[in-house]
Amino acid sequence: MTITFIGPPTGGRLRLPVYAFHIPAGFPSPAADHLDRPISLDELFSLRAPHVYLVKVDGDSMRGAGIHSGDLLIVDRDKQARHGDIVIAAINGEPMCKRLHQCADELSLHSENPAFVPRRVGEGDDLVIWGVVRYSVRDHAQ
């Protein structure tokens, strides 16, 4: 899996409508009288925060977590990484998106695909956590 750093988000504050009912996966007919309130994706995903950045994923090692090749990840540098978090990290300079596992004093990075073995962080390894993945965005038109 490779990661393309896109950098911090830029742009305006586009407000989109949010409807106050759940959408079935069939053929709904949304009506204007169900409009709850407009929201800003900037606010919803904290996109304007200086500690948030975007990366694009290439590869299928995290598909079991719902992260697929081509997805855009919203990453928070300010959030402290904990056991079980999906992180953007680098081991010895090699960037990756993996699930952080911490057992006692041992750290390892796990894929969410059984075809990939966990990567144990050894004593001589240089591990840098670049942020915790908060959201993923998928283009369904691909």
C-alpha atoms as a PDB file:
ATOM      1  CA  MET A   1       0.000   0.000   0.000  1.00  0.00           C
ATOM      2  CA  THR A   2       1.299   3.421  -0.878  1.00  0.00           C
ATOM      3  CA  ILE A   3       0.145   6.788   0.366  1.00  0.00           C
ATOM      4  CA  THR A   4      -0.010  10.023  -1.603  1.00  0.00           C
ATOM      5  CA  PHE A   5       0.136  13.098   0.616  1.00  0.00           C
ATOM      6  CA  ILE A   6      -2.284  15.703  -0.604  1.00  0.00           C
ATOM      7  CA  GLY A   7      -1.658  18.129   2.224  1.00  0.00           C
ATOM      8  CA  PRO A   8      -3.948  20.368   4.213  1.00  0.00           C
ATOM      9  CA  PRO A   9      -7.363  21.088   2.730  1.00  0.00           C
ATOM     10  CA  THR A  10      -8.002  24.518   1.272  1.00  0.00           C
ATOM     11  CA  GLY A  11     -11.038  26.257  -0.101  1.00  0.00           C
ATOM     12  CA  GLY A  12     -14.259  27.831   1.039  1.00  0.00           C
ATOM     13  CA  ARG A  13     -16.991  26.846   3.404  1.00  0.00           C
ATOM     14  CA  LEU A  14     -19.588  25.189   1.199  1.00  0.00           C
ATOM     15  CA  ARG A  15     -22.729  24.349   3.166  1.00  0.00           C
ATOM     16  CA  LEU A  16     -24.712  21.304   2.055  1.00  0.00           C
ATOM     17  CA  PRO A  17     -28.243  20.281   3.075  1.00  0.00           C
ATOM     18  CA  VAL A  18     -28.759  17.469   5.586  1.00  0.00           C
ATOM     19  CA  TYR A  19     -32.061  15.627   5.586  1.00  0.00           C
ATOM     20  CA  ALA A  20     -33.668  14.616   8.877  1.00  0.00           C
ATOM     21  CA  PHE A  21     -34.523  11.069   7.814  1.00  0.00           C
ATOM     22  CA  HIS A  22     -32.521   7.953   7.072  1.00  0.00           C
ATOM     23  CA  ILE A  23     -32.094   6.989   3.441  1.00  0.00           C
ATOM     24  CA  PRO A  24     -32.881   3.356   2.584  1.00  0.00           C
ATOM     25  CA  ALA A  25     -30.716   1.766  -0.070  1.00  0.00           C
ATOM     26  CA  GLY A  26     -33.772   1.467  -2.324  1.00  0.00           C
ATOM     27  CA  PHE A  27     -35.476   4.297  -4.209  1.00  0.00           C
ATOM     28  CA  PRO A  28     -36.282   7.057  -1.717  1.00  0.00           C
ATOM     29  CA  SER A  29     -37.952  10.298  -2.632  1.00  0.00           C
ATOM     30  CA  PRO A  30     -36.357  13.039  -0.514  1.00  0.00           C
ATOM     31  CA  ALA A  31     -38.568  16.080  -0.079  1.00  0.00           C
ATOM     32  CA  ALA A  32     -37.658  19.610   0.905  1.00  0.00           C
ATOM     33  CA  ASP A  33     -39.857  19.415   4.016  1.00  0.00           C
ATOM     34  CA  HIS A  34     -37.434  16.852   5.467  1.00  0.00           C
ATOM     35  CA  LEU A  35     -34.537  19.286   5.352  1.00  0.00           C
ATOM     36  CA  ASP A  36     -32.982  19.460   8.825  1.00  0.00           C
ATOM     37  CA  ARG A  37     -30.281  22.110   8.533  1.00  0.00           C
ATOM     38  CA  PRO A  38     -27.388  22.862   6.218  1.00  0.00           C
ATOM     39  CA  ILE A  39     -23.976  21.679   7.365  1.00  0.00           C
ATOM     40  CA  SER A  40     -20.470  22.419   6.265  1.00  0.00           C
ATOM     41  CA  LEU A  41     -18.198  19.501   5.416  1.00  0.00           C
ATOM     42  CA  ASP A  42     -15.343  21.693   6.657  1.00  0.00           C
ATOM     43  CA  GLU A  43     -17.000  21.768  10.090  1.00  0.00           C
ATOM     44  CA  LEU A  44     -18.207  18.163  10.059  1.00  0.00           C
ATOM     45  CA  PHE A  45     -14.749  16.748   9.316  1.00  0.00           C
ATOM     46  CA  SER A  46     -12.722  19.580  10.969  1.00  0.00           C
ATOM     47  CA  LEU A  47     -11.102  20.209   7.598  1.00  0.00           C
ATOM     48  CA  ARG A  48     -10.018  23.738   8.390  1.00  0.00           C
ATOM     49  CA  ALA A  49      -8.078  22.683  11.500  1.00  0.00           C
ATOM     50  CA  PRO A  50      -4.313  23.126  11.082  1.00  0.00           C
ATOM     51  CA  HIS A  51      -3.666  19.635  12.429  1.00  0.00           C
ATOM     52  CA  VAL A  52      -5.804  17.890   9.780  1.00  0.00           C
ATOM     53  CA  TYR A  53      -4.434  16.723   6.436  1.00  0.00           C
ATOM     54  CA  LEU A  54      -5.501  14.474   3.572  1.00  0.00           C
ATOM     55  CA  VAL A  55      -3.857  11.418   2.055  1.00  0.00           C
ATOM     56  CA  LYS A  56      -4.862   9.167  -0.820  1.00  0.00           C
ATOM     57  CA  VAL A  57      -4.439   5.415  -0.396  1.00  0.00           C
ATOM     58  CA  ASP A  58      -3.153   2.994  -3.014  1.00  0.00           C
ATOM     59  CA  GLY A  59      -3.397  -0.715  -2.207  1.00  0.00           C
ATOM     60  CA  ASP A  60      -5.737  -3.174  -0.522  1.00  0.00           C
ATOM     61  CA  SER A  61      -4.068  -3.986   2.797  1.00  0.00           C
ATOM     62  CA  MET A  62      -6.780  -2.111   4.762  1.00  0.00           C
ATOM     63  CA  ARG A  63      -9.882  -3.276   2.900  1.00  0.00           C
ATOM     64  CA  GLY A  64     -11.177  -5.161   5.961  1.00  0.00           C
ATOM     65  CA  ALA A  65     -11.444  -1.781   7.704  1.00  0.00           C
ATOM     66  CA  GLY A  66     -13.388  -0.355   4.758  1.00  0.00           C
ATOM     67  CA  ILE A  67     -10.393   1.527   3.338  1.00  0.00           C
ATOM     68  CA  HIS A  68      -9.935   0.771  -0.351  1.00  0.00           C
ATOM     69  CA  SER A  69      -7.428   1.776  -2.985  1.00  0.00           C
ATOM     70  CA  GLY A  70      -8.178   5.297  -4.175  1.00  0.00           C
ATOM     71  CA  ASP A  71      -9.884   6.379  -0.944  1.00  0.00           C
ATOM     72  CA  LEU A  72      -9.140   9.772   0.509  1.00  0.00           C
ATOM     73  CA  LEU A  73      -8.293   9.681   4.224  1.00  0.00           C
ATOM     74  CA  ILE A  74      -8.800  12.571   6.634  1.00  0.00           C
ATOM     75  CA  VAL A  75      -5.966  12.363   9.155  1.00  0.00           C
ATOM     76  CA  ASP A  76      -5.654  14.130  12.518  1.00  0.00           C
ATOM     77  CA  ARG A  77      -2.091  14.857  13.659  1.00  0.00           C
ATOM     78  CA  ASP A  78      -3.332  16.197  16.992  1.00  0.00           C
ATOM     79  CA  LYS A  79      -5.050  12.990  18.166  1.00  0.00           C
ATOM     80  CA  GLN A  80      -2.908  10.723  20.345  1.00  0.00           C
ATOM     81  CA  ALA A  81      -2.624   7.287  18.657  1.00  0.00           C
ATOM     82  CA  ARG A  82      -3.901   4.429  20.814  1.00  0.00           C
ATOM     83  CA  HIS A  83      -4.182   0.669  20.519  1.00  0.00           C
ATOM     84  CA  GLY A  84      -6.699  -0.137  17.787  1.00  0.00           C
ATOM     85  CA  ASP A  85      -6.481   3.191  15.948  1.00  0.00           C
ATOM     86  CA  ILE A  86      -5.853   3.269  12.216  1.00  0.00           C
ATOM     87  CA  VAL A  87      -2.764   5.405  11.742  1.00  0.00           C
ATOM     88  CA  ILE A  88      -0.566   6.904   9.081  1.00  0.00           C
ATOM     89  CA  ALA A  89       2.914   5.915  10.187  1.00  0.00           C
ATOM     90  CA  ALA A  90       6.407   5.413   8.902  1.00  0.00           C
ATOM     91  CA  ILE A  91       8.786   2.666   9.934  1.00  0.00           C
ATOM     92  CA  ASN A  92      12.353   3.506   8.961  1.00  0.00           C
ATOM     93  CA  GLY A  93      11.004   6.121   6.557  1.00  0.00           C
ATOM     94  CA  GLU A  94       8.504   3.816   4.824  1.00  0.00           C
ATOM     95  CA  PRO A  95       4.991   5.352   5.017  1.00  0.00           C
ATOM     96  CA  MET A  96       1.982   3.126   5.577  1.00  0.00           C
ATOM     97  CA  CYS A  97      -1.621   3.052   6.701  1.00  0.00           C
ATOM     98  CA  LYS A  98      -2.145   0.340   9.348  1.00  0.00           C
ATOM     99  CA  ARG A  99      -3.939  -0.462  12.588  1.00  0.00           C
ATOM    100  CA  LEU A 100      -1.805   0.191  15.659  1.00  0.00           C
ATOM    101  CA  HIS A 101      -1.477  -2.679  18.136  1.00  0.00           C
ATOM    102  CA  GLN A 102       0.137  -2.224  21.513  1.00  0.00           C
ATOM    103  CA  CYS A 103       0.563  -5.148  23.869  1.00  0.00           C
ATOM    104  CA  ALA A 104       2.615  -4.350  26.980  1.00  0.00           C
ATOM    105  CA  ASP A 105       5.757  -2.698  25.572  1.00  0.00           C
ATOM    106  CA  GLU A 106       5.442  -4.231  22.087  1.00  0.00           C
ATOM    107  CA  LEU A 107       4.153  -2.249  19.137  1.00  0.00           C
ATOM    108  CA  SER A 108       3.065  -3.636  15.804  1.00  0.00           C
ATOM    109  CA  LEU A 109       1.203  -2.374  12.775  1.00  0.00           C
ATOM    110  CA  HIS A 110      -1.486  -4.644  11.329  1.00  0.00           C
ATOM    111  CA  SER A 111      -3.166  -4.747   7.960  1.00  0.00           C
ATOM    112  CA  GLU A 112      -6.878  -5.462   7.688  1.00  0.00           C
ATOM    113  CA  ASN A 113      -6.297  -8.055   4.999  1.00  0.00           C
ATOM    114  CA  PRO A 114      -5.186 -11.609   5.842  1.00  0.00           C
ATOM    115  CA  ALA A 115      -2.825 -11.615   2.850  1.00  0.00           C
ATOM    116  CA  PHE A 116      -0.508  -9.237   4.744  1.00  0.00           C
ATOM    117  CA  VAL A 117       1.459 -10.144   7.875  1.00  0.00           C
ATOM    118  CA  PRO A 118       1.689  -7.730  10.828  1.00  0.00           C
ATOM    119  CA  ARG A 119       4.770  -5.525  10.984  1.00  0.00           C
ATOM    120  CA  ARG A 120       6.374  -5.712  14.423  1.00  0.00           C
ATOM    121  CA  VAL A 121       8.243  -2.587  15.462  1.00  0.00           C
ATOM    122  CA  GLY A 122      11.665  -3.769  16.579  1.00  0.00           C
ATOM    123  CA  GLU A 123      14.131  -2.138  18.931  1.00  0.00           C
ATOM    124  CA  GLY A 124      16.228  -0.782  16.054  1.00  0.00           C
ATOM    125  CA  ASP A 125      13.245   0.499  14.058  1.00  0.00           C
ATOM    126  CA  ASP A 126      12.373   4.167  13.818  1.00  0.00           C
ATOM    127  CA  LEU A 127       8.573   4.499  14.158  1.00  0.00           C
ATOM    128  CA  VAL A 128       6.912   7.853  13.538  1.00  0.00           C
ATOM    129  CA  ILE A 129       3.126   8.191  13.809  1.00  0.00           C
ATOM    130  CA  TRP A 130       2.032  10.930  11.391  1.00  0.00           C
ATOM    131  CA  GLY A 131      -1.598  10.943  12.534  1.00  0.00           C
ATOM    132  CA  VAL A 132      -4.762   9.022  13.271  1.00  0.00           C
ATOM    133  CA  VAL A 133      -7.223   8.342  10.455  1.00  0.00           C
ATOM    134  CA  ARG A 134     -10.549   9.917  11.389  1.00  0.00           C
ATOM    135  CA  TYR A 135     -12.589   9.495   8.198  1.00  0.00           C
ATOM    136  CA  SER A 136     -12.360   7.962   4.758  1.00  0.00           C
ATOM    137  CA  VAL A 137     -14.023   9.242   1.610  1.00  0.00           C
ATOM    138  CA  ARG A 138     -14.685   7.015  -1.398  1.00  0.00           C
ATOM    139  CA  ASP A 139     -15.518   8.041  -4.962  1.00  0.00           C
ATOM    140  CA  HIS A 140     -18.287   5.634  -5.959  1.00  0.00           C
ATOM    141  CA  ALA A 141     -18.225   6.833  -9.560  1.00  0.00           C
ATOM    142  CA  GLN A 142     -14.938   5.063 -10.297  1.00  0.00           C
END
